[in-house]
Amino acid sequence: IIERKLRDFSDSERLKVRKEKDNPIIKCKVCGALAYKSLWDKYGGNCPICVERKKREKRDARVKTEAEKKTKVEKKTEEVSEGEGLPLRVTFGFGAFVALLLGLIKKFRG
């Protein structure tokens, strides 16, 4: 390779060489991906591909756990709804209301 001095390049070539010096391509030691230094700096000095992959894995895990929670809740509601009649809370609440009415009627009649 023949090295030329910067003054031998045209303006656009000179700019390109400067850009490559300021913003070299860096290879990740973990995943082997190539990315410009400016991208690495944007991700806090970490490999942008690795960072995005970790984000995606976290998001997928979170979605999976949320889906599992929903299925557990659905199973519980199915078990409760299988019971016959009204739920106990409603039954006792209605019974207390009737008892209160009967008590008031007795009080005002006698």
PDB file of N, CA and C in Angstrom:
ATOM      1  N   ILE A   1       0.856  -1.182   0.000  1.00  0.00           N
ATOM      2  CA  ILE A   1       0.000   0.000   0.000  1.00  0.00           C
ATOM      3  C   ILE A   1       0.892   1.231   0.000  1.00  0.00           C
ATOM      4  N   ILE A   2       0.614   2.123  -0.933  1.00  0.00           N
ATOM      5  CA  ILE A   2       1.386   3.359  -1.027  1.00  0.00           C
ATOM      6  C   ILE A   2       0.680   4.421  -0.202  1.00  0.00           C
ATOM      7  N   GLU A   3       1.383   4.980   0.776  1.00  0.00           N
ATOM      8  CA  GLU A   3       0.793   6.028   1.609  1.00  0.00           C
ATOM      9  C   GLU A   3       1.044   7.378   0.966  1.00  0.00           C
ATOM     10  N   ARG A   4      -0.015   8.187   0.862  1.00  0.00           N
ATOM     11  CA  ARG A   4       0.122   9.530   0.324  1.00  0.00           C
ATOM     12  C   ARG A   4      -0.074  10.523   1.451  1.00  0.00           C
ATOM     13  N   LYS A   5       0.483  11.685   1.289  1.00  0.00           N
ATOM     14  CA  LYS A   5       0.280  12.739   2.279  1.00  0.00           C
ATOM     15  C   LYS A   5      -1.103  13.333   2.087  1.00  0.00           C
ATOM     16  N   LEU A   6      -1.635  13.938   3.146  1.00  0.00           N
ATOM     17  CA  LEU A   6      -2.991  14.485   3.096  1.00  0.00           C
ATOM     18  C   LEU A   6      -3.159  15.520   1.987  1.00  0.00           C
ATOM     19  N   ARG A   7      -2.108  16.273   1.685  1.00  0.00           N
ATOM     20  CA  ARG A   7      -2.262  17.319   0.670  1.00  0.00           C
ATOM     21  C   ARG A   7      -2.448  16.734  -0.733  1.00  0.00           C
ATOM     22  N   ASP A   8      -2.088  15.454  -0.931  1.00  0.00           N
ATOM     23  CA  ASP A   8      -2.262  14.821  -2.237  1.00  0.00           C
ATOM     24  C   ASP A   8      -3.710  14.386  -2.487  1.00  0.00           C
ATOM     25  N   PHE A   9      -4.512  14.317  -1.434  1.00  0.00           N
ATOM     26  CA  PHE A   9      -5.913  13.905  -1.577  1.00  0.00           C
ATOM     27  C   PHE A   9      -6.772  15.085  -2.008  1.00  0.00           C
ATOM     28  N   SER A  10      -7.913  14.776  -2.616  1.00  0.00           N
ATOM     29  CA  SER A  10      -8.891  15.827  -2.896  1.00  0.00           C
ATOM     30  C   SER A  10      -9.613  16.156  -1.591  1.00  0.00           C
ATOM     31  N   ASP A  11     -10.407  17.221  -1.603  1.00  0.00           N
ATOM     32  CA  ASP A  11     -11.091  17.655  -0.379  1.00  0.00           C
ATOM     33  C   ASP A  11     -11.990  16.560   0.194  1.00  0.00           C
ATOM     34  N   SER A  12     -12.776  15.915  -0.657  1.00  0.00           N
ATOM     35  CA  SER A  12     -13.703  14.882  -0.168  1.00  0.00           C
ATOM     36  C   SER A  12     -12.935  13.684   0.403  1.00  0.00           C
ATOM     37  N   GLU A  13     -11.848  13.304  -0.259  1.00  0.00           N
ATOM     38  CA  GLU A  13     -11.039  12.192   0.251  1.00  0.00           C
ATOM     39  C   GLU A  13     -10.388  12.560   1.579  1.00  0.00           C
ATOM     40  N   ARG A  14      -9.928  13.803   1.682  1.00  0.00           N
ATOM     41  CA  ARG A  14      -9.284  14.273   2.904  1.00  0.00           C
ATOM     42  C   ARG A  14     -10.273  14.218   4.078  1.00  0.00           C
ATOM     43  N   LEU A  15     -11.498  14.668   3.799  1.00  0.00           N
ATOM     44  CA  LEU A  15     -12.542  14.649   4.824  1.00  0.00           C
ATOM     45  C   LEU A  15     -12.836  13.210   5.256  1.00  0.00           C
ATOM     46  N   LYS A  16     -12.864  12.305   4.281  1.00  0.00           N
ATOM     47  CA  LYS A  16     -13.140  10.896   4.571  1.00  0.00           C
ATOM     48  C   LYS A  16     -12.045  10.298   5.464  1.00  0.00           C
ATOM     49  N   VAL A  17     -10.803  10.603   5.158  1.00  0.00           N
ATOM     50  CA  VAL A  17      -9.677  10.088   5.951  1.00  0.00           C
ATOM     51  C   VAL A  17      -9.751  10.628   7.372  1.00  0.00           C
ATOM     52  N   ARG A  18     -10.036  11.927   7.502  1.00  0.00           N
ATOM     53  CA  ARG A  18     -10.151  12.530   8.840  1.00  0.00           C
ATOM     54  C   ARG A  18     -11.278  11.872   9.625  1.00  0.00           C
ATOM     55  N   LYS A  19     -12.398  11.654   8.924  1.00  0.00           N
ATOM     56  CA  LYS A  19     -13.555  11.045   9.574  1.00  0.00           C
ATOM     57  C   LYS A  19     -13.196   9.649  10.078  1.00  0.00           C
ATOM     58  N   GLU A  20     -12.477   8.891   9.256  1.00  0.00           N
ATOM     59  CA  GLU A  20     -12.087   7.539   9.645  1.00  0.00           C
ATOM     60  C   GLU A  20     -11.115   7.551  10.819  1.00  0.00           C
ATOM     61  N   LYS A  21     -10.289   8.584  10.899  1.00  0.00           N
ATOM     62  CA  LYS A  21      -9.367   8.694  12.036  1.00  0.00           C
ATOM     63  C   LYS A  21     -10.140   9.030  13.306  1.00  0.00           C
ATOM     64  N   ASP A  22     -11.107   9.964  13.190  1.00  0.00           N
ATOM     65  CA  ASP A  22     -11.884  10.396  14.353  1.00  0.00           C
ATOM     66  C   ASP A  22     -12.913   9.353  14.767  1.00  0.00           C
ATOM     67  N   ASN A  23     -13.407   8.595  13.815  1.00  0.00           N
ATOM     68  CA  ASN A  23     -14.505   7.669  14.074  1.00  0.00           C
ATOM     69  C   ASN A  23     -14.165   6.283  13.512  1.00  0.00           C
ATOM     70  N   PRO A  24     -13.194   5.597  14.121  1.00  0.00           N
ATOM     71  CA  PRO A  24     -12.804   4.292  13.575  1.00  0.00           C
ATOM     72  C   PRO A  24     -13.875   3.227  13.826  1.00  0.00           C
ATOM     73  N   ILE A  25     -13.772   2.157  13.065  1.00  0.00           N
ATOM     74  CA  ILE A  25     -14.682   1.026  13.258  1.00  0.00           C
ATOM     75  C   ILE A  25     -14.069   0.117  14.319  1.00  0.00           C
ATOM     76  N   ILE A  26     -14.885  -0.256  15.301  1.00  0.00           N
ATOM     77  CA  ILE A  26     -14.408  -1.086  16.404  1.00  0.00           C
ATOM     78  C   ILE A  26     -15.126  -2.429  16.355  1.00  0.00           C
ATOM     79  N   LYS A  27     -14.377  -3.503  16.623  1.00  0.00           N
ATOM     80  CA  LYS A  27     -14.963  -4.843  16.641  1.00  0.00           C
ATOM     81  C   LYS A  27     -15.219  -5.261  18.084  1.00  0.00           C
ATOM     82  N   CYS A  28     -16.415  -5.787  18.339  1.00  0.00           N
ATOM     83  CA  CYS A  28     -16.783  -6.230  19.688  1.00  0.00           C
ATOM     84  C   CYS A  28     -16.072  -7.547  19.994  1.00  0.00           C
ATOM     85  N   LYS A  29     -15.535  -7.662  21.207  1.00  0.00           N
ATOM     86  CA  LYS A  29     -14.836  -8.888  21.603  1.00  0.00           C
ATOM     87  C   LYS A  29     -15.816  -9.994  21.990  1.00  0.00           C
ATOM     88  N   VAL A  30     -17.048  -9.618  22.314  1.00  0.00           N
ATOM     89  CA  VAL A  30     -18.043 -10.608  22.748  1.00  0.00           C
ATOM     90  C   VAL A  30     -18.781 -11.204  21.556  1.00  0.00           C
ATOM     91  N   CYS A  31     -19.407 -10.320  20.745  1.00  0.00           N
ATOM     92  CA  CYS A  31     -20.254 -10.827  19.651  1.00  0.00           C
ATOM     93  C   CYS A  31     -19.579 -10.727  18.281  1.00  0.00           C
ATOM     94  N   GLY A  32     -18.475  -9.996  18.181  1.00  0.00           N
ATOM     95  CA  GLY A  32     -17.759  -9.886  16.916  1.00  0.00           C
ATOM     96  C   GLY A  32     -18.363  -8.899  15.936  1.00  0.00           C
ATOM     97  N   ALA A  33     -19.296  -8.080  16.398  1.00  0.00           N
ATOM     98  CA  ALA A  33     -19.950  -7.111  15.518  1.00  0.00           C
ATOM     99  C   ALA A  33     -19.043  -5.900  15.295  1.00  0.00           C
ATOM    100  N   LEU A  34     -19.199  -5.277  14.135  1.00  0.00           N
ATOM    101  CA  LEU A  34     -18.433  -4.077  13.812  1.00  0.00           C
ATOM    102  C   LEU A  34     -19.338  -2.862  13.913  1.00  0.00           C
ATOM    103  N   ALA A  35     -18.846  -1.813  14.573  1.00  0.00           N
ATOM    104  CA  ALA A  35     -19.632  -0.582  14.686  1.00  0.00           C
ATOM    105  C   ALA A  35     -18.678   0.599  14.826  1.00  0.00           C
ATOM    106  N   TYR A  36     -19.138   1.772  14.377  1.00  0.00           N
ATOM    107  CA  TYR A  36     -18.323   2.971  14.498  1.00  0.00           C
ATOM    108  C   TYR A  36     -18.159   3.371  15.961  1.00  0.00           C
ATOM    109  N   LYS A  37     -17.044   4.031  16.251  1.00  0.00           N
ATOM    110  CA  LYS A  37     -16.744   4.471  17.615  1.00  0.00           C
ATOM    111  C   LYS A  37     -17.822   5.410  18.150  1.00  0.00           C
ATOM    112  N   SER A  38     -18.389   6.243  17.272  1.00  0.00           N
ATOM    113  CA  SER A  38     -19.430   7.177  17.719  1.00  0.00           C
ATOM    114  C   SER A  38     -20.638   6.418  18.276  1.00  0.00           C
ATOM    115  N   LEU A  39     -20.959   5.275  17.665  1.00  0.00           N
ATOM    116  CA  LEU A  39     -22.064   4.452  18.181  1.00  0.00           C
ATOM    117  C   LEU A  39     -21.699   3.864  19.540  1.00  0.00           C
ATOM    118  N   TRP A  40     -20.453   3.415  19.663  1.00  0.00           N
ATOM    119  CA  TRP A  40     -20.002   2.865  20.947  1.00  0.00           C
ATOM    120  C   TRP A  40     -20.117   3.927  22.030  1.00  0.00           C
ATOM    121  N   ASP A  41     -19.710   5.164  21.690  1.00  0.00           N
ATOM    122  CA  ASP A  41     -19.786   6.265  22.662  1.00  0.00           C
ATOM    123  C   ASP A  41     -21.238   6.555  23.036  1.00  0.00           C
ATOM    124  N   LYS A  42     -22.123   6.458  22.056  1.00  0.00           N
ATOM    125  CA  LYS A  42     -23.544   6.707  22.295  1.00  0.00           C
ATOM    126  C   LYS A  42     -24.109   5.713  23.315  1.00  0.00           C
ATOM    127  N   TYR A  43     -23.602   4.488  23.308  1.00  0.00           N
ATOM    128  CA  TYR A  43     -24.056   3.448  24.236  1.00  0.00           C
ATOM    129  C   TYR A  43     -23.148   3.340  25.462  1.00  0.00           C
ATOM    130  N   GLY A  44     -22.491   4.423  25.811  1.00  0.00           N
ATOM    131  CA  GLY A  44     -21.676   4.461  27.023  1.00  0.00           C
ATOM    132  C   GLY A  44     -20.417   3.621  26.941  1.00  0.00           C
ATOM    133  N   GLY A  45     -19.845   3.496  25.758  1.00  0.00           N
ATOM    134  CA  GLY A  45     -18.610   2.738  25.601  1.00  0.00           C
ATOM    135  C   GLY A  45     -18.841   1.239  25.487  1.00  0.00           C
ATOM    136  N   ASN A  46     -20.091   0.816  25.378  1.00  0.00           N
ATOM    137  CA  ASN A  46     -20.415  -0.603  25.226  1.00  0.00           C
ATOM    138  C   ASN A  46     -20.806  -0.895  23.786  1.00  0.00           C
ATOM    139  N   CYS A  47     -20.721  -2.161  23.419  1.00  0.00           N
ATOM    140  CA  CYS A  47     -21.087  -2.571  22.062  1.00  0.00           C
ATOM    141  C   CYS A  47     -22.579  -2.328  21.841  1.00  0.00           C
ATOM    142  N   PRO A  48     -22.954  -1.559  20.815  1.00  0.00           N
ATOM    143  CA  PRO A  48     -24.372  -1.254  20.586  1.00  0.00           C
ATOM    144  C   PRO A  48     -25.216  -2.499  20.319  1.00  0.00           C
ATOM    145  N   ILE A  49     -24.655  -3.477  19.633  1.00  0.00           N
ATOM    146  CA  ILE A  49     -25.406  -4.689  19.309  1.00  0.00           C
ATOM    147  C   ILE A  49     -25.680  -5.489  20.578  1.00  0.00           C
ATOM    148  N   CYS A  50     -24.663  -5.620  21.446  1.00  0.00           N
ATOM    149  CA  CYS A  50     -24.836  -6.349  22.717  1.00  0.00           C
ATOM    150  C   CYS A  50     -25.860  -5.647  23.605  1.00  0.00           C
ATOM    151  N   VAL A  51     -25.792  -4.315  23.679  1.00  0.00           N
ATOM    152  CA  VAL A  51     -26.716  -3.550  24.524  1.00  0.00           C
ATOM    153  C   VAL A  51     -28.149  -3.751  24.050  1.00  0.00           C
ATOM    154  N   GLU A  52     -28.369  -3.647  22.735  1.00  0.00           N
ATOM    155  CA  GLU A  52     -29.714  -3.818  22.188  1.00  0.00           C
ATOM    156  C   GLU A  52     -30.220  -5.244  22.407  1.00  0.00           C
ATOM    157  N   ARG A  53     -29.317  -6.228  22.278  1.00  0.00           N
ATOM    158  CA  ARG A  53     -29.713  -7.618  22.495  1.00  0.00           C
ATOM    159  C   ARG A  53     -30.148  -7.837  23.947  1.00  0.00           C
ATOM    160  N   LYS A  54     -29.394  -7.261  24.895  1.00  0.00           N
ATOM    161  CA  LYS A  54     -29.747  -7.384  26.316  1.00  0.00           C
ATOM    162  C   LYS A  54     -31.090  -6.725  26.602  1.00  0.00           C
ATOM    163  N   LYS A  55     -31.317  -5.540  25.999  1.00  0.00           N
ATOM    164  CA  LYS A  55     -32.604  -4.853  26.175  1.00  0.00           C
ATOM    165  C   LYS A  55     -33.747  -5.730  25.671  1.00  0.00           C
ATOM    166  N   ARG A  56     -33.546  -6.318  24.485  1.00  0.00           N
ATOM    167  CA  ARG A  56     -34.580  -7.158  23.884  1.00  0.00           C
ATOM    168  C   ARG A  56     -34.851  -8.391  24.753  1.00  0.00           C
ATOM    169  N   GLU A  57     -33.773  -9.009  25.281  1.00  0.00           N
ATOM    170  CA  GLU A  57     -33.941 -10.184  26.143  1.00  0.00           C
ATOM    171  C   GLU A  57     -34.703  -9.827  27.409  1.00  0.00           C
ATOM    172  N   LYS A  58     -34.386  -8.669  28.013  1.00  0.00           N
ATOM    173  CA  LYS A  58     -35.098  -8.231  29.218  1.00  0.00           C
ATOM    174  C   LYS A  58     -36.576  -8.010  28.919  1.00  0.00           C
ATOM    175  N   ARG A  59     -36.854  -7.337  27.785  1.00  0.00           N
ATOM    176  CA  ARG A  59     -38.235  -7.045  27.413  1.00  0.00           C
ATOM    177  C   ARG A  59     -39.004  -8.348  27.172  1.00  0.00           C
ATOM    178  N   ASP A  60     -38.373  -9.301  26.468  1.00  0.00           N
ATOM    179  CA  ASP A  60     -39.028 -10.580  26.200  1.00  0.00           C
ATOM    180  C   ASP A  60     -39.321 -11.326  27.496  1.00  0.00           C
ATOM    181  N   ALA A  61     -38.373 -11.294  28.435  1.00  0.00           N
ATOM    182  CA  ALA A  61     -38.575 -11.966  29.723  1.00  0.00           C
ATOM    183  C   ALA A  61     -39.718 -11.315  30.492  1.00  0.00           C
ATOM    184  N   ARG A  62     -39.772  -9.979  30.466  1.00  0.00           N
ATOM    185  CA  ARG A  62     -40.834  -9.260  31.176  1.00  0.00           C
ATOM    186  C   ARG A  62     -42.203  -9.598  30.573  1.00  0.00           C
ATOM    187  N   VAL A  63     -42.289  -9.613  29.249  1.00  0.00           N
ATOM    188  CA  VAL A  63     -43.547  -9.936  28.573  1.00  0.00           C
ATOM    189  C   VAL A  63     -43.966 -11.366  28.916  1.00  0.00           C
ATOM    190  N   LYS A  64     -42.989 -12.261  28.966  1.00  0.00           N
ATOM    191  CA  LYS A  64     -43.284 -13.661  29.273  1.00  0.00           C
ATOM    192  C   LYS A  64     -43.833 -13.804  30.694  1.00  0.00           C
ATOM    193  N   THR A  65     -43.217 -13.121  31.669  1.00  0.00           N
ATOM    194  CA  THR A  65     -43.692 -13.213  33.052  1.00  0.00           C
ATOM    195  C   THR A  65     -45.077 -12.591  33.189  1.00  0.00           C
ATOM    196  N   GLU A  66     -45.328 -11.487  32.484  1.00  0.00           N
ATOM    197  CA  GLU A  66     -46.657 -10.864  32.527  1.00  0.00           C
ATOM    198  C   GLU A  66     -47.712 -11.807  31.951  1.00  0.00           C
ATOM    199  N   ALA A  67     -47.371 -12.498  30.880  1.00  0.00           N
ATOM    200  CA  ALA A  67     -48.308 -13.446  30.273  1.00  0.00           C
ATOM    201  C   ALA A  67     -48.590 -14.600  31.235  1.00  0.00           C
ATOM    202  N   GLU A  68     -47.549 -15.074  31.934  1.00  0.00           N
ATOM    203  CA  GLU A  68     -47.733 -16.154  32.906  1.00  0.00           C
ATOM    204  C   GLU A  68     -48.634 -15.697  34.047  1.00  0.00           C
ATOM    205  N   LYS A  69     -48.442 -14.460  34.518  1.00  0.00           N
ATOM    206  CA  LYS A  69     -49.284 -13.929  35.595  1.00  0.00           C
ATOM    207  C   LYS A  69     -50.743 -13.877  35.153  1.00  0.00           C
ATOM    208  N   LYS A  70     -50.980 -13.422  33.918  1.00  0.00           N
ATOM    209  CA  LYS A  70     -52.349 -13.330  33.404  1.00  0.00           C
ATOM    210  C   LYS A  70     -52.999 -14.707  33.345  1.00  0.00           C
ATOM    211  N   THR A  71     -52.247 -15.714  32.900  1.00  0.00           N
ATOM    212  CA  THR A  71     -52.824 -17.059  32.816  1.00  0.00           C
ATOM    213  C   THR A  71     -53.133 -17.597  34.210  1.00  0.00           C
ATOM    214  N   LYS A  72     -52.283 -17.289  35.199  1.00  0.00           N
ATOM    215  CA  LYS A  72     -52.550 -17.718  36.577  1.00  0.00           C
ATOM    216  C   LYS A  72     -53.830 -17.079  37.093  1.00  0.00           C
ATOM    217  N   VAL A  73     -53.999 -15.781  36.844  1.00  0.00           N
ATOM    218  CA  VAL A  73     -55.199 -15.066  37.293  1.00  0.00           C
ATOM    219  C   VAL A  73     -56.437 -15.649  36.616  1.00  0.00           C
ATOM    220  N   GLU A  74     -56.335 -15.935  35.310  1.00  0.00           N
ATOM    221  CA  GLU A  74     -57.467 -16.509  34.582  1.00  0.00           C
ATOM    222  C   GLU A  74     -57.848 -17.869  35.155  1.00  0.00           C
ATOM    223  N   LYS A  75     -56.844 -18.690  35.505  1.00  0.00           N
ATOM    224  CA  LYS A  75     -57.124 -20.002  36.088  1.00  0.00           C
ATOM    225  C   LYS A  75     -57.848 -19.852  37.420  1.00  0.00           C
ATOM    226  N   LYS A  76     -57.396 -18.890  38.251  1.00  0.00           N
ATOM    227  CA  LYS A  76     -58.029 -18.665  39.550  1.00  0.00           C
ATOM    228  C   LYS A  76     -59.479 -18.220  39.377  1.00  0.00           C
ATOM    229  N   THR A  77     -59.733 -17.318  38.431  1.00  0.00           N
ATOM    230  CA  THR A  77     -61.103 -16.835  38.225  1.00  0.00           C
ATOM    231  C   THR A  77     -61.994 -17.959  37.716  1.00  0.00           C
ATOM    232  N   GLU A  78     -61.436 -18.851  36.895  1.00  0.00           N
ATOM    233  CA  GLU A  78     -62.221 -19.988  36.417  1.00  0.00           C
ATOM    234  C   GLU A  78     -62.604 -20.889  37.585  1.00  0.00           C
ATOM    235  N   GLU A  79     -61.658 -21.133  38.508  1.00  0.00           N
ATOM    236  CA  GLU A  79     -61.930 -21.980  39.670  1.00  0.00           C
ATOM    237  C   GLU A  79     -63.026 -21.368  40.534  1.00  0.00           C
ATOM    238  N   VAL A  80     -62.979 -20.060  40.728  1.00  0.00           N
ATOM    239  CA  VAL A  80     -63.978 -19.380  41.550  1.00  0.00           C
ATOM    240  C   VAL A  80     -65.332 -19.412  40.864  1.00  0.00           C
ATOM    241  N   SER A  81     -65.356 -19.187  39.562  1.00  0.00           N
ATOM    242  CA  SER A  81     -66.630 -19.112  38.845  1.00  0.00           C
ATOM    243  C   SER A  81     -67.298 -20.479  38.717  1.00  0.00           C
ATOM    244  N   GLU A  82     -66.549 -21.562  38.928  1.00  0.00           N
ATOM    245  CA  GLU A  82     -67.145 -22.889  38.846  1.00  0.00           C
ATOM    246  C   GLU A  82     -68.106 -23.150  40.002  1.00  0.00           C
ATOM    247  N   GLY A  83     -67.944 -22.464  41.137  1.00  0.00           N
ATOM    248  CA  GLY A  83     -68.820 -22.651  42.292  1.00  0.00           C
ATOM    249  C   GLY A  83     -70.243 -22.218  41.959  1.00  0.00           C
ATOM    250  N   GLU A  84     -71.222 -22.907  42.541  1.00  0.00           N
ATOM    251  CA  GLU A  84     -72.627 -22.609  42.249  1.00  0.00           C
ATOM    252  C   GLU A  84     -73.106 -21.406  43.050  1.00  0.00           C
ATOM    253  N   GLY A  85     -74.054 -20.675  42.519  1.00  0.00           N
ATOM    254  CA  GLY A  85     -74.697 -19.583  43.240  1.00  0.00           C
ATOM    255  C   GLY A  85     -73.838 -18.338  43.328  1.00  0.00           C
ATOM    256  N   LEU A  86     -74.261 -17.425  44.196  1.00  0.00           N
ATOM    257  CA  LEU A  86     -73.565 -16.153  44.372  1.00  0.00           C
ATOM    258  C   LEU A  86     -72.337 -16.331  45.250  1.00  0.00           C
ATOM    259  N   PRO A  87     -71.342 -15.475  45.105  1.00  0.00           N
ATOM    260  CA  PRO A  87     -70.192 -15.534  46.007  1.00  0.00           C
ATOM    261  C   PRO A  87     -70.635 -15.273  47.445  1.00  0.00           C
ATOM    262  N   LEU A  88     -69.873 -15.783  48.406  1.00  0.00           N
ATOM    263  CA  LEU A  88     -70.224 -15.661  49.825  1.00  0.00           C
ATOM    264  C   LEU A  88     -70.371 -14.214  50.250  1.00  0.00           C
ATOM    265  N   ARG A  89     -69.497 -13.358  49.761  1.00  0.00           N
ATOM    266  CA  ARG A  89     -69.530 -11.949  50.148  1.00  0.00           C
ATOM    267  C   ARG A  89     -70.888 -11.331  49.826  1.00  0.00           C
ATOM    268  N   VAL A  90     -71.383 -11.596  48.629  1.00  0.00           N
ATOM    269  CA  VAL A  90     -72.670 -11.033  48.202  1.00  0.00           C
ATOM    270  C   VAL A  90     -73.795 -11.628  49.039  1.00  0.00           C
ATOM    271  N   THR A  91     -73.721 -12.940  49.285  1.00  0.00           N
ATOM    272  CA  THR A  91     -74.773 -13.617  50.055  1.00  0.00           C
ATOM    273  C   THR A  91     -74.865 -13.037  51.460  1.00  0.00           C
ATOM    274  N   PHE A  92     -73.717 -12.920  52.147  1.00  0.00           N
ATOM    275  CA  PHE A  92     -73.723 -12.383  53.511  1.00  0.00           C
ATOM    276  C   PHE A  92     -74.147 -10.919  53.529  1.00  0.00           C
ATOM    277  N   GLY A  93     -73.715 -10.175  52.524  1.00  0.00           N
ATOM    278  CA  GLY A  93     -74.090  -8.764  52.441  1.00  0.00           C
ATOM    279  C   GLY A  93     -75.594  -8.604  52.302  1.00  0.00           C
ATOM    280  N   PHE A  94     -76.200  -9.432  51.477  1.00  0.00           N
ATOM    281  CA  PHE A  94     -77.652  -9.379  51.274  1.00  0.00           C
ATOM    282  C   PHE A  94     -78.391  -9.823  52.541  1.00  0.00           C
ATOM    283  N   GLY A  95     -77.853 -10.850  53.209  1.00  0.00           N
ATOM    284  CA  GLY A  95     -78.445 -11.338  54.463  1.00  0.00           C
ATOM    285  C   GLY A  95     -78.432 -10.265  55.529  1.00  0.00           C
ATOM    286  N   ALA A  96     -77.342  -9.536  55.635  1.00  0.00           N
ATOM    287  CA  ALA A  96     -77.237  -8.460  56.629  1.00  0.00           C
ATOM    288  C   ALA A  96     -78.245  -7.358  56.312  1.00  0.00           C
ATOM    289  N   PHE A  97     -78.434  -7.065  55.043  1.00  0.00           N
ATOM    290  CA  PHE A  97     -79.386  -6.032  54.627  1.00  0.00           C
ATOM    291  C   PHE A  97     -80.817  -6.434  55.001  1.00  0.00           C
ATOM    292  N   VAL A  98     -81.162  -7.688  54.757  1.00  0.00           N
ATOM    293  CA  VAL A  98     -82.504  -8.188  55.093  1.00  0.00           C
ATOM    294  C   VAL A  98     -82.712  -8.136  56.604  1.00  0.00           C
ATOM    295  N   ALA A  99     -81.689  -8.551  57.374  1.00  0.00           N
ATOM    296  CA  ALA A  99     -81.797  -8.530  58.840  1.00  0.00           C
ATOM    297  C   ALA A  99     -81.996  -7.105  59.333  1.00  0.00           C
ATOM    298  N   LEU A 100     -81.308  -6.160  58.751  1.00  0.00           N
ATOM    299  CA  LEU A 100     -81.443  -4.754  59.131  1.00  0.00           C
ATOM    300  C   LEU A 100     -82.865  -4.267  58.847  1.00  0.00           C
ATOM    301  N   LEU A 101     -83.385  -4.611  57.674  1.00  0.00           N
ATOM    302  CA  LEU A 101     -84.754  -4.224  57.326  1.00  0.00           C
ATOM    303  C   LEU A 101     -85.766  -4.815  58.308  1.00  0.00           C
ATOM    304  N   LEU A 102     -85.609  -6.091  58.621  1.00  0.00           N
ATOM    305  CA  LEU A 102     -86.528  -6.745  59.565  1.00  0.00           C
ATOM    306  C   LEU A 102     -86.444  -6.091  60.936  1.00  0.00           C
ATOM    307  N   GLY A 103     -85.226  -5.747  61.362  1.00  0.00           N
ATOM    308  CA  GLY A 103     -85.036  -5.076  62.657  1.00  0.00           C
ATOM    309  C   GLY A 103     -85.726  -3.729  62.680  1.00  0.00           C
ATOM    310  N   LEU A 104     -85.623  -2.959  61.607  1.00  0.00           N
ATOM    311  CA  LEU A 104     -86.265  -1.642  61.530  1.00  0.00           C
ATOM    312  C   LEU A 104     -87.786  -1.777  61.539  1.00  0.00           C
ATOM    313  N   ILE A 105     -88.279  -2.769  60.812  1.00  0.00           N
ATOM    314  CA  ILE A 105     -89.735  -2.978  60.766  1.00  0.00           C
ATOM    315  C   ILE A 105     -90.259  -3.306  62.165  1.00  0.00           C
ATOM    316  N   LYS A 106     -89.559  -4.213  62.865  1.00  0.00           N
ATOM    317  CA  LYS A 106     -89.980  -4.582  64.224  1.00  0.00           C
ATOM    318  C   LYS A 106     -89.948  -3.379  65.150  1.00  0.00           C
ATOM    319  N   LYS A 107     -88.897  -2.551  65.006  1.00  0.00           N
ATOM    320  CA  LYS A 107     -88.720  -1.388  65.884  1.00  0.00           C
ATOM    321  C   LYS A 107     -89.884  -0.408  65.709  1.00  0.00           C
ATOM    322  N   PHE A 108     -90.238  -0.119  64.451  1.00  0.00           N
ATOM    323  CA  PHE A 108     -91.291   0.873  64.210  1.00  0.00           C
ATOM    324  C   PHE A 108     -92.699   0.321  64.460  1.00  0.00           C
ATOM    325  N   ARG A 109     -92.910  -0.981  64.328  1.00  0.00           N
ATOM    326  CA  ARG A 109     -94.241  -1.578  64.547  1.00  0.00           C
ATOM    327  C   ARG A 109     -94.529  -1.715  66.041  1.00  0.00           C
ATOM    328  N   GLY A 110     -93.534  -2.138  66.745  1.00  0.00           N
ATOM    329  CA  GLY A 110     -93.821  -2.443  68.146  1.00  0.00           C
ATOM    330  C   GLY A 110     -93.086  -1.563  69.048  1.00  0.00           C
TER     331      GLY A 110
END
